[in-house]
Amino acid sequence: MWERTILGTDIYHLIACFHIYSMLGWLVESIYMSFCEKRLVNRGFGKGPFCPIYGFGAVIGNMVLSPLASNYIALYLVGAVLATTFEFLVAMLMKKLLGSFWWDYNEKPFNYKGMICLESTVAWGFYAIIVVGFLNDAIISFVDRFDRAIGVYVLVIILAAYTFDFIVAFAKAKGVTTEDIKRMIVHKRA
């Protein structure tokens, strides 16, 4: 399974990059928001240091945009448009599933329904250049420094921990309490 490829990259590297970008995205956004709000802010969906929108965005973006890696202008423009589109679609999905999305650009100029804004679009273009032009190769090199068997083990543990964290956070967002979960477990045993 880990050796199967999607658009020229094996599953092992895709999952490793997803985890790393999700954690880097969480770190950058949490630091930025903590600075803006002058208090510590966890920008993750759950309790762990993980923002999956950055993981998915960086991995998908890199796969789609890598042919443009040597043309920074095209990379910037296409990256900005694709990332903004992705952000909009994620906001729409979150609104449908959870009733709201977890960012608000209403105070930013040139925003659309608080979901997307020009400031972020400009930033996404620069992020595309950073990720595709420089960072992804460094991350692949970092992942390749470790024995693959150990890497798979670590990825499975991180994926299991994140999945549990995500399920708990999703349940909480939908209003499911720990008492509800206990009742479901007891009911299934009976």
N, C-alpha and C. Protein backbone atom coordinates (compact mmCIF):
# COMPACT_ATOMS: atom_id res chain seq x y z
N MET A 1 0.81 -1.20 0.00
CA MET A 1 0.00 0.00 0.00
C MET A 1 0.86 1.26 0.00
N TRP A 2 1.89 1.31 0.79
CA TRP A 2 2.71 2.50 0.95
C TRP A 2 3.49 2.86 -0.31
N GLU A 3 3.68 1.88 -1.21
CA GLU A 3 4.46 2.12 -2.43
C GLU A 3 3.61 2.57 -3.61
N ARG A 4 2.29 2.41 -3.51
CA ARG A 4 1.42 2.84 -4.62
C ARG A 4 1.62 4.33 -4.86
N THR A 5 1.54 4.73 -6.11
CA THR A 5 1.79 6.14 -6.44
C THR A 5 0.53 6.84 -6.93
N ILE A 6 0.49 8.12 -6.63
CA ILE A 6 -0.56 9.01 -7.13
C ILE A 6 0.16 10.22 -7.72
N LEU A 7 -0.04 10.43 -8.99
CA LEU A 7 0.62 11.53 -9.71
C LEU A 7 2.13 11.57 -9.44
N GLY A 8 2.75 10.39 -9.45
CA GLY A 8 4.20 10.30 -9.33
C GLY A 8 4.77 10.28 -7.92
N THR A 9 3.92 10.34 -6.89
CA THR A 9 4.41 10.32 -5.51
C THR A 9 3.77 9.15 -4.78
N ASP A 10 4.59 8.40 -4.05
CA ASP A 10 4.04 7.23 -3.35
C ASP A 10 3.24 7.66 -2.12
N ILE A 11 2.36 6.76 -1.69
CA ILE A 11 1.45 7.02 -0.56
C ILE A 11 2.24 7.37 0.70
N TYR A 12 3.34 6.69 0.93
CA TYR A 12 4.17 6.94 2.11
C TYR A 12 4.57 8.42 2.18
N HIS A 13 5.10 8.95 1.08
CA HIS A 13 5.53 10.35 1.06
C HIS A 13 4.34 11.31 1.11
N LEU A 14 3.23 10.95 0.47
CA LEU A 14 2.05 11.81 0.52
C LEU A 14 1.53 11.94 1.95
N ILE A 15 1.45 10.81 2.67
CA ILE A 15 0.94 10.86 4.05
C ILE A 15 1.94 11.58 4.96
N ALA A 16 3.22 11.31 4.76
CA ALA A 16 4.24 12.00 5.57
C ALA A 16 4.17 13.51 5.33
N CYS A 17 4.09 13.92 4.07
CA CYS A 17 4.00 15.35 3.76
C CYS A 17 2.71 15.95 4.31
N PHE A 18 1.60 15.22 4.21
CA PHE A 18 0.33 15.70 4.77
C PHE A 18 0.49 15.99 6.26
N HIS A 19 1.09 15.06 7.00
CA HIS A 19 1.28 15.26 8.44
C HIS A 19 2.18 16.47 8.71
N ILE A 20 3.28 16.55 8.01
CA ILE A 20 4.23 17.64 8.25
C ILE A 20 3.61 18.99 7.91
N TYR A 21 2.96 19.09 6.74
CA TYR A 21 2.34 20.36 6.36
C TYR A 21 1.19 20.73 7.30
N SER A 22 0.43 19.73 7.76
CA SER A 22 -0.65 20.00 8.71
C SER A 22 -0.10 20.57 10.01
N MET A 23 1.03 20.03 10.45
CA MET A 23 1.64 20.52 11.68
C MET A 23 2.30 21.88 11.47
N LEU A 24 2.98 22.06 10.35
CA LEU A 24 3.59 23.36 10.05
C LEU A 24 2.51 24.44 9.91
N GLY A 25 1.42 24.11 9.23
CA GLY A 25 0.32 25.06 9.08
C GLY A 25 -0.27 25.45 10.42
N TRP A 26 -0.45 24.43 11.29
CA TRP A 26 -0.96 24.69 12.64
C TRP A 26 0.01 25.62 13.38
N LEU A 27 1.31 25.34 13.29
CA LEU A 27 2.32 26.14 14.00
C LEU A 27 2.31 27.58 13.51
N VAL A 28 2.38 27.78 12.21
CA VAL A 28 2.42 29.13 11.64
C VAL A 28 1.15 29.90 11.99
N GLU A 29 0.00 29.26 11.81
CA GLU A 29 -1.26 29.96 12.08
C GLU A 29 -1.45 30.23 13.57
N SER A 30 -1.08 29.28 14.41
CA SER A 30 -1.22 29.48 15.86
C SER A 30 -0.31 30.60 16.34
N ILE A 31 0.91 30.65 15.82
CA ILE A 31 1.82 31.74 16.20
C ILE A 31 1.26 33.08 15.71
N TYR A 32 0.83 33.13 14.47
CA TYR A 32 0.29 34.37 13.91
C TYR A 32 -0.93 34.85 14.71
N MET A 33 -1.87 33.94 14.97
CA MET A 33 -3.09 34.33 15.69
C MET A 33 -2.79 34.66 17.16
N SER A 34 -1.82 33.98 17.76
CA SER A 34 -1.43 34.28 19.14
C SER A 34 -0.85 35.69 19.20
N PHE A 35 -0.04 36.04 18.20
CA PHE A 35 0.53 37.37 18.12
C PHE A 35 -0.58 38.41 17.94
N CYS A 36 -1.52 38.16 17.03
CA CYS A 36 -2.61 39.10 16.77
C CYS A 36 -3.51 39.28 17.99
N GLU A 37 -3.81 38.19 18.69
CA GLU A 37 -4.73 38.25 19.82
C GLU A 37 -4.04 38.45 21.16
N LYS A 38 -2.71 38.51 21.14
CA LYS A 38 -1.91 38.73 22.35
C LYS A 38 -2.21 37.71 23.46
N ARG A 39 -2.47 36.47 23.04
CA ARG A 39 -2.66 35.34 23.95
C ARG A 39 -2.42 34.06 23.14
N LEU A 40 -2.16 32.94 23.81
CA LEU A 40 -1.95 31.68 23.11
C LEU A 40 -3.23 31.21 22.46
N VAL A 41 -3.14 30.85 21.18
CA VAL A 41 -4.29 30.41 20.42
C VAL A 41 -3.95 29.09 19.75
N ASN A 42 -4.80 28.09 19.91
CA ASN A 42 -4.66 26.81 19.20
C ASN A 42 -5.58 26.88 17.99
N ARG A 43 -5.02 26.93 16.81
CA ARG A 43 -5.82 27.06 15.59
C ARG A 43 -6.20 25.71 14.98
N GLY A 44 -5.95 24.63 15.70
CA GLY A 44 -6.32 23.32 15.19
C GLY A 44 -7.79 23.03 15.40
N PHE A 45 -8.30 22.06 14.66
CA PHE A 45 -9.68 21.62 14.80
C PHE A 45 -9.88 20.89 16.12
N GLY A 46 -8.90 20.08 16.50
CA GLY A 46 -8.97 19.33 17.74
C GLY A 46 -7.97 19.88 18.74
N LYS A 47 -7.52 19.01 19.62
CA LYS A 47 -6.56 19.41 20.65
C LYS A 47 -5.12 19.34 20.15
N GLY A 48 -4.86 18.47 19.20
CA GLY A 48 -3.49 18.25 18.73
C GLY A 48 -2.99 19.33 17.80
N PRO A 49 -1.69 19.33 17.54
CA PRO A 49 -1.06 20.35 16.68
C PRO A 49 -1.23 20.02 15.20
N PHE A 50 -2.45 20.21 14.71
CA PHE A 50 -2.77 19.72 13.38
C PHE A 50 -3.84 20.59 12.73
N CYS A 51 -3.57 21.15 11.55
CA CYS A 51 -4.57 21.85 10.74
C CYS A 51 -4.62 21.13 9.39
N PRO A 52 -5.56 20.21 9.23
CA PRO A 52 -5.57 19.39 8.01
C PRO A 52 -5.77 20.19 6.73
N ILE A 53 -6.39 21.37 6.80
CA ILE A 53 -6.58 22.16 5.57
C ILE A 53 -5.22 22.49 4.95
N TYR A 54 -4.21 22.72 5.79
CA TYR A 54 -2.86 23.01 5.28
C TYR A 54 -2.22 21.76 4.71
N GLY A 55 -2.44 20.61 5.37
CA GLY A 55 -1.90 19.35 4.86
C GLY A 55 -2.47 19.02 3.49
N PHE A 56 -3.80 19.06 3.39
CA PHE A 56 -4.43 18.77 2.10
C PHE A 56 -4.05 19.81 1.06
N GLY A 57 -4.10 21.08 1.45
CA GLY A 57 -3.78 22.15 0.51
C GLY A 57 -2.37 22.05 -0.04
N ALA A 58 -1.40 21.80 0.84
CA ALA A 58 0.00 21.73 0.40
C ALA A 58 0.26 20.49 -0.46
N VAL A 59 -0.28 19.35 -0.04
CA VAL A 59 -0.04 18.12 -0.80
C VAL A 59 -0.71 18.19 -2.17
N ILE A 60 -1.99 18.56 -2.19
CA ILE A 60 -2.70 18.67 -3.47
C ILE A 60 -2.09 19.77 -4.32
N GLY A 61 -1.82 20.91 -3.68
CA GLY A 61 -1.20 22.02 -4.41
C GLY A 61 0.12 21.64 -5.02
N ASN A 62 0.96 20.94 -4.26
CA ASN A 62 2.25 20.53 -4.80
C ASN A 62 2.09 19.58 -5.98
N MET A 63 1.16 18.64 -5.87
CA MET A 63 0.95 17.69 -6.97
C MET A 63 0.48 18.39 -8.23
N VAL A 64 -0.42 19.37 -8.07
CA VAL A 64 -0.98 20.07 -9.22
C VAL A 64 -0.01 21.13 -9.77
N LEU A 65 0.67 21.83 -8.86
CA LEU A 65 1.48 22.99 -9.27
C LEU A 65 2.93 22.67 -9.61
N SER A 66 3.41 21.48 -9.29
CA SER A 66 4.83 21.18 -9.51
C SER A 66 5.29 21.38 -10.96
N PRO A 67 4.44 21.19 -11.98
CA PRO A 67 4.91 21.51 -13.34
C PRO A 67 5.25 23.00 -13.54
N LEU A 68 4.75 23.85 -12.65
CA LEU A 68 5.01 25.29 -12.76
C LEU A 68 6.17 25.75 -11.89
N ALA A 69 6.88 24.81 -11.26
CA ALA A 69 7.91 25.14 -10.27
C ALA A 69 8.97 26.11 -10.77
N SER A 70 9.28 26.08 -12.04
CA SER A 70 10.34 26.96 -12.55
C SER A 70 9.82 28.31 -13.05
N ASN A 71 8.51 28.49 -13.06
CA ASN A 71 7.90 29.74 -13.51
C ASN A 71 7.18 30.37 -12.32
N TYR A 72 7.90 31.19 -11.56
CA TYR A 72 7.36 31.74 -10.32
C TYR A 72 6.11 32.60 -10.51
N ILE A 73 6.01 33.30 -11.61
CA ILE A 73 4.84 34.14 -11.84
C ILE A 73 3.60 33.28 -12.03
N ALA A 74 3.70 32.27 -12.90
CA ALA A 74 2.58 31.35 -13.11
C ALA A 74 2.27 30.58 -11.83
N LEU A 75 3.31 30.15 -11.13
CA LEU A 75 3.15 29.42 -9.88
C LEU A 75 2.40 30.28 -8.86
N TYR A 76 2.80 31.54 -8.75
CA TYR A 76 2.14 32.47 -7.82
C TYR A 76 0.66 32.64 -8.18
N LEU A 77 0.39 32.96 -9.43
CA LEU A 77 -0.99 33.26 -9.85
C LEU A 77 -1.90 32.03 -9.74
N VAL A 78 -1.46 30.91 -10.28
CA VAL A 78 -2.28 29.70 -10.24
C VAL A 78 -2.42 29.21 -8.80
N GLY A 79 -1.32 29.28 -8.03
CA GLY A 79 -1.37 28.88 -6.63
C GLY A 79 -2.34 29.73 -5.83
N ALA A 80 -2.33 31.03 -6.05
CA ALA A 80 -3.24 31.93 -5.33
C ALA A 80 -4.69 31.61 -5.65
N VAL A 81 -4.99 31.39 -6.92
CA VAL A 81 -6.37 31.10 -7.33
C VAL A 81 -6.81 29.73 -6.81
N LEU A 82 -5.95 28.72 -6.96
CA LEU A 82 -6.32 27.38 -6.50
C LEU A 82 -6.50 27.32 -4.98
N ALA A 83 -5.60 27.94 -4.24
CA ALA A 83 -5.70 27.92 -2.78
C ALA A 83 -6.93 28.68 -2.30
N THR A 84 -7.24 29.78 -2.94
CA THR A 84 -8.44 30.54 -2.57
C THR A 84 -9.70 29.73 -2.88
N THR A 85 -9.70 29.07 -4.01
CA THR A 85 -10.83 28.20 -4.37
C THR A 85 -10.97 27.08 -3.36
N PHE A 86 -9.85 26.48 -2.98
CA PHE A 86 -9.85 25.40 -1.99
C PHE A 86 -10.37 25.91 -0.65
N GLU A 87 -9.91 27.08 -0.22
CA GLU A 87 -10.36 27.66 1.04
C GLU A 87 -11.87 27.91 1.01
N PHE A 88 -12.36 28.41 -0.11
CA PHE A 88 -13.79 28.66 -0.26
C PHE A 88 -14.59 27.36 -0.18
N LEU A 89 -14.13 26.33 -0.89
CA LEU A 89 -14.83 25.04 -0.88
C LEU A 89 -14.83 24.41 0.51
N VAL A 90 -13.71 24.51 1.23
CA VAL A 90 -13.64 23.98 2.59
C VAL A 90 -14.60 24.75 3.50
N ALA A 91 -14.66 26.07 3.34
CA ALA A 91 -15.60 26.87 4.15
C ALA A 91 -17.03 26.44 3.87
N MET A 92 -17.37 26.22 2.61
CA MET A 92 -18.72 25.79 2.26
C MET A 92 -19.02 24.41 2.85
N LEU A 93 -18.07 23.50 2.78
CA LEU A 93 -18.26 22.16 3.34
C LEU A 93 -18.43 22.22 4.85
N MET A 94 -17.58 23.01 5.52
CA MET A 94 -17.69 23.15 6.97
C MET A 94 -19.04 23.77 7.35
N LYS A 95 -19.48 24.74 6.59
CA LYS A 95 -20.76 25.39 6.88
C LYS A 95 -21.90 24.38 6.75
N LYS A 96 -21.81 23.54 5.74
CA LYS A 96 -22.85 22.53 5.53
C LYS A 96 -22.82 21.46 6.63
N LEU A 97 -21.61 20.98 6.99
CA LEU A 97 -21.49 19.90 7.97
C LEU A 97 -21.61 20.38 9.42
N LEU A 98 -21.05 21.55 9.70
CA LEU A 98 -20.94 22.00 11.08
C LEU A 98 -21.73 23.27 11.40
N GLY A 99 -22.29 23.88 10.38
CA GLY A 99 -23.06 25.09 10.60
C GLY A 99 -22.26 26.37 10.54
N SER A 100 -20.93 26.26 10.52
CA SER A 100 -20.07 27.44 10.42
C SER A 100 -18.68 27.00 9.99
N PHE A 101 -17.85 27.96 9.67
CA PHE A 101 -16.45 27.68 9.37
C PHE A 101 -15.62 28.44 10.37
N TRP A 102 -14.35 28.04 10.55
CA TRP A 102 -13.58 28.52 11.68
C TRP A 102 -12.59 29.62 11.37
N TRP A 103 -12.92 30.46 10.47
CA TRP A 103 -12.17 31.70 10.26
C TRP A 103 -13.18 32.74 9.80
N ASP A 104 -12.81 33.98 9.92
CA ASP A 104 -13.75 35.04 9.59
C ASP A 104 -12.97 36.22 9.01
N TYR A 105 -13.17 36.44 7.72
CA TYR A 105 -12.49 37.54 7.04
C TYR A 105 -13.41 38.75 6.87
N ASN A 106 -14.53 38.80 7.58
CA ASN A 106 -15.46 39.91 7.41
C ASN A 106 -14.83 41.27 7.67
N GLU A 107 -13.83 41.33 8.55
CA GLU A 107 -13.17 42.59 8.86
C GLU A 107 -12.08 42.95 7.83
N LYS A 108 -11.78 42.02 6.94
CA LYS A 108 -10.74 42.26 5.94
C LYS A 108 -11.36 42.91 4.70
N PRO A 109 -10.62 43.81 4.06
CA PRO A 109 -11.14 44.39 2.81
C PRO A 109 -11.19 43.34 1.70
N PHE A 110 -12.10 43.53 0.79
CA PHE A 110 -12.25 42.65 -0.37
C PHE A 110 -12.46 41.19 0.04
N ASN A 111 -13.39 40.98 0.97
CA ASN A 111 -13.71 39.60 1.37
C ASN A 111 -15.04 39.20 0.73
N TYR A 112 -15.25 37.89 0.66
CA TYR A 112 -16.52 37.37 0.19
C TYR A 112 -17.13 36.52 1.30
N LYS A 113 -18.19 37.05 1.90
CA LYS A 113 -18.94 36.38 2.96
C LYS A 113 -18.05 35.90 4.11
N GLY A 114 -16.93 36.56 4.32
CA GLY A 114 -16.02 36.20 5.40
C GLY A 114 -15.24 34.93 5.16
N MET A 115 -15.47 34.27 4.01
CA MET A 115 -14.83 32.98 3.71
C MET A 115 -13.47 33.13 3.06
N ILE A 116 -13.36 34.07 2.18
CA ILE A 116 -12.11 34.32 1.47
C ILE A 116 -11.88 35.83 1.43
N CYS A 117 -10.63 36.22 1.24
CA CYS A 117 -10.34 37.65 1.13
C CYS A 117 -9.08 37.85 0.29
N LEU A 118 -8.91 39.05 -0.19
CA LEU A 118 -7.77 39.37 -1.04
C LEU A 118 -6.45 39.18 -0.31
N GLU A 119 -6.38 39.58 0.96
CA GLU A 119 -5.13 39.44 1.73
C GLU A 119 -4.66 37.99 1.76
N SER A 120 -5.58 37.08 2.02
CA SER A 120 -5.21 35.66 2.05
C SER A 120 -4.85 35.15 0.67
N THR A 121 -5.56 35.60 -0.34
CA THR A 121 -5.25 35.19 -1.71
C THR A 121 -3.82 35.58 -2.07
N VAL A 122 -3.44 36.80 -1.71
CA VAL A 122 -2.06 37.25 -1.96
C VAL A 122 -1.07 36.35 -1.22
N ALA A 123 -1.37 36.03 0.04
CA ALA A 123 -0.50 35.16 0.83
C ALA A 123 -0.42 33.76 0.23
N TRP A 124 -1.56 33.21 -0.24
CA TRP A 124 -1.55 31.85 -0.81
C TRP A 124 -0.60 31.76 -2.00
N GLY A 125 -0.52 32.81 -2.78
CA GLY A 125 0.41 32.79 -3.92
C GLY A 125 1.85 32.66 -3.45
N PHE A 126 2.22 33.40 -2.41
CA PHE A 126 3.57 33.29 -1.86
C PHE A 126 3.81 31.91 -1.24
N TYR A 127 2.78 31.39 -0.55
CA TYR A 127 2.91 30.05 0.02
C TYR A 127 3.13 29.01 -1.07
N ALA A 128 2.46 29.18 -2.21
CA ALA A 128 2.64 28.25 -3.33
C ALA A 128 4.10 28.24 -3.79
N ILE A 129 4.68 29.43 -3.91
CA ILE A 129 6.09 29.51 -4.31
C ILE A 129 6.99 28.85 -3.26
N ILE A 130 6.72 29.11 -2.00
CA ILE A 130 7.54 28.53 -0.92
C ILE A 130 7.43 27.01 -0.91
N VAL A 131 6.19 26.50 -0.94
CA VAL A 131 5.98 25.05 -0.85
C VAL A 131 6.52 24.34 -2.08
N VAL A 132 6.09 24.75 -3.25
CA VAL A 132 6.46 24.05 -4.49
C VAL A 132 7.90 24.35 -4.89
N GLY A 133 8.30 25.60 -4.74
CA GLY A 133 9.63 25.99 -5.19
C GLY A 133 10.77 25.57 -4.28
N PHE A 134 10.51 25.45 -2.98
CA PHE A 134 11.60 25.21 -2.05
C PHE A 134 11.32 24.13 -1.00
N LEU A 135 10.22 24.26 -0.30
CA LEU A 135 9.98 23.47 0.91
C LEU A 135 9.74 21.98 0.65
N ASN A 136 8.98 21.65 -0.39
CA ASN A 136 8.61 20.25 -0.59
C ASN A 136 9.83 19.34 -0.76
N ASP A 137 10.81 19.77 -1.53
CA ASP A 137 12.02 18.95 -1.69
C ASP A 137 12.73 18.74 -0.36
N ALA A 138 12.77 19.77 0.48
CA ALA A 138 13.39 19.65 1.80
C ALA A 138 12.62 18.69 2.68
N ILE A 139 11.31 18.72 2.60
CA ILE A 139 10.50 17.81 3.41
C ILE A 139 10.67 16.38 2.93
N ILE A 140 10.69 16.16 1.63
CA ILE A 140 10.92 14.80 1.10
C ILE A 140 12.29 14.30 1.56
N SER A 141 13.30 15.15 1.50
CA SER A 141 14.65 14.77 1.98
C SER A 141 14.62 14.41 3.46
N PHE A 142 13.91 15.19 4.25
CA PHE A 142 13.80 14.92 5.68
C PHE A 142 13.15 13.57 5.92
N VAL A 143 12.04 13.30 5.23
CA VAL A 143 11.33 12.03 5.38
C VAL A 143 12.24 10.86 4.98
N ASP A 144 13.03 11.04 3.93
CA ASP A 144 13.90 9.97 3.44
C ASP A 144 15.10 9.69 4.35
N ARG A 145 15.36 10.53 5.32
CA ARG A 145 16.46 10.30 6.27
C ARG A 145 16.15 9.14 7.22
N PHE A 146 14.88 8.80 7.36
CA PHE A 146 14.47 7.78 8.32
C PHE A 146 14.20 6.45 7.62
N ASP A 147 14.49 5.39 8.31
CA ASP A 147 14.17 4.05 7.82
C ASP A 147 12.66 3.99 7.55
N ARG A 148 12.29 3.46 6.41
CA ARG A 148 10.88 3.46 6.01
C ARG A 148 10.01 2.67 6.99
N ALA A 149 10.49 1.56 7.50
CA ALA A 149 9.69 0.76 8.45
C ALA A 149 9.36 1.58 9.70
N ILE A 150 10.35 2.32 10.18
CA ILE A 150 10.12 3.18 11.34
C ILE A 150 9.18 4.33 10.96
N GLY A 151 9.38 4.87 9.77
CA GLY A 151 8.53 5.96 9.28
C GLY A 151 7.07 5.53 9.18
N VAL A 152 6.83 4.34 8.65
CA VAL A 152 5.46 3.83 8.54
C VAL A 152 4.85 3.70 9.93
N TYR A 153 5.61 3.16 10.86
CA TYR A 153 5.15 2.99 12.23
C TYR A 153 4.76 4.35 12.83
N VAL A 154 5.62 5.33 12.67
CA VAL A 154 5.35 6.68 13.21
C VAL A 154 4.13 7.29 12.52
N LEU A 155 4.02 7.14 11.20
CA LEU A 155 2.88 7.70 10.48
C LEU A 155 1.56 7.07 10.93
N VAL A 156 1.57 5.77 11.16
CA VAL A 156 0.36 5.08 11.61
C VAL A 156 -0.05 5.58 12.99
N ILE A 157 0.92 5.75 13.88
CA ILE A 157 0.62 6.27 15.23
C ILE A 157 0.06 7.69 15.14
N ILE A 158 0.69 8.55 14.37
CA ILE A 158 0.21 9.92 14.22
C ILE A 158 -1.18 9.93 13.59
N LEU A 159 -1.38 9.12 12.57
CA LEU A 159 -2.69 9.05 11.91
C LEU A 159 -3.77 8.57 12.87
N ALA A 160 -3.46 7.56 13.68
CA ALA A 160 -4.43 7.05 14.67
C ALA A 160 -4.75 8.13 15.71
N ALA A 161 -3.72 8.81 16.21
CA ALA A 161 -3.93 9.86 17.21
C ALA A 161 -4.75 10.99 16.60
N TYR A 162 -4.43 11.40 15.39
CA TYR A 162 -5.17 12.48 14.76
C TYR A 162 -6.62 12.06 14.49
N THR A 163 -6.82 10.83 14.02
CA THR A 163 -8.17 10.35 13.73
C THR A 163 -9.02 10.38 15.00
N PHE A 164 -8.47 9.91 16.12
CA PHE A 164 -9.19 9.95 17.39
C PHE A 164 -9.50 11.40 17.77
N ASP A 165 -8.51 12.27 17.68
CA ASP A 165 -8.68 13.69 18.01
C ASP A 165 -9.76 14.31 17.12
N PHE A 166 -9.74 13.98 15.83
CA PHE A 166 -10.71 14.52 14.88
C PHE A 166 -12.13 14.05 15.22
N ILE A 167 -12.27 12.76 15.51
CA ILE A 167 -13.60 12.21 15.84
C ILE A 167 -14.17 12.89 17.08
N VAL A 168 -13.34 13.04 18.12
CA VAL A 168 -13.79 13.69 19.35
C VAL A 168 -14.18 15.15 19.06
N ALA A 169 -13.34 15.87 18.32
CA ALA A 169 -13.63 17.28 18.01
C ALA A 169 -14.88 17.41 17.14
N PHE A 170 -15.03 16.51 16.17
CA PHE A 170 -16.21 16.54 15.29
C PHE A 170 -17.46 16.26 16.09
N ALA A 171 -17.40 15.25 16.96
CA ALA A 171 -18.55 14.93 17.81
C ALA A 171 -18.92 16.12 18.69
N LYS A 172 -17.91 16.76 19.26
CA LYS A 172 -18.14 17.93 20.11
C LYS A 172 -18.78 19.07 19.30
N ALA A 173 -18.27 19.27 18.08
CA ALA A 173 -18.82 20.32 17.22
C ALA A 173 -20.27 20.04 16.84
N LYS A 174 -20.62 18.78 16.76
CA LYS A 174 -22.00 18.39 16.42
C LYS A 174 -22.87 18.29 17.67
N GLY A 175 -22.29 18.56 18.86
CA GLY A 175 -23.07 18.56 20.09
C GLY A 175 -23.19 17.22 20.78
N VAL A 176 -22.37 16.24 20.37
CA VAL A 176 -22.39 14.93 21.01
C VAL A 176 -21.50 15.00 22.25
N THR A 177 -22.04 14.58 23.40
CA THR A 177 -21.30 14.64 24.65
C THR A 177 -20.67 13.29 24.96
N THR A 178 -19.77 13.25 25.94
CA THR A 178 -19.18 11.98 26.36
C THR A 178 -20.25 11.07 26.95
N GLU A 179 -21.26 11.65 27.57
CA GLU A 179 -22.37 10.84 28.10
C GLU A 179 -23.13 10.17 26.96
N ASP A 180 -23.32 10.89 25.85
CA ASP A 180 -23.98 10.30 24.68
C ASP A 180 -23.17 9.11 24.15
N ILE A 181 -21.86 9.27 24.10
CA ILE A 181 -20.98 8.20 23.61
C ILE A 181 -21.05 7.00 24.55
N LYS A 182 -21.03 7.25 25.85
CA LYS A 182 -21.12 6.15 26.82
C LYS A 182 -22.44 5.40 26.65
N ARG A 183 -23.56 6.15 26.46
CA ARG A 183 -24.85 5.50 26.26
C ARG A 183 -24.85 4.65 25.00
N MET A 184 -24.21 5.13 23.92
CA MET A 184 -24.14 4.37 22.67
C MET A 184 -23.36 3.07 22.87
N ILE A 185 -22.25 3.14 23.61
CA ILE A 185 -21.43 1.97 23.86
C ILE A 185 -22.19 0.96 24.70
N VAL A 186 -22.83 1.41 25.76
CA VAL A 186 -23.60 0.53 26.63
C VAL A 186 -24.76 -0.08 25.85
N HIS A 187 -25.41 0.71 25.02
CA HIS A 187 -26.54 0.23 24.23
C HIS A 187 -26.10 -0.86 23.26
N LYS A 188 -24.94 -0.71 22.63
CA LYS A 188 -24.43 -1.71 21.68
C LYS A 188 -24.09 -3.01 22.39
N ARG A 189 -23.62 -2.94 23.62
CA ARG A 189 -23.27 -4.15 24.37
C ARG A 189 -24.51 -4.93 24.78
N ALA A 190 -25.61 -4.25 24.97
CA ALA A 190 -26.83 -4.91 25.46
C ALA A 190 -27.52 -5.72 24.38
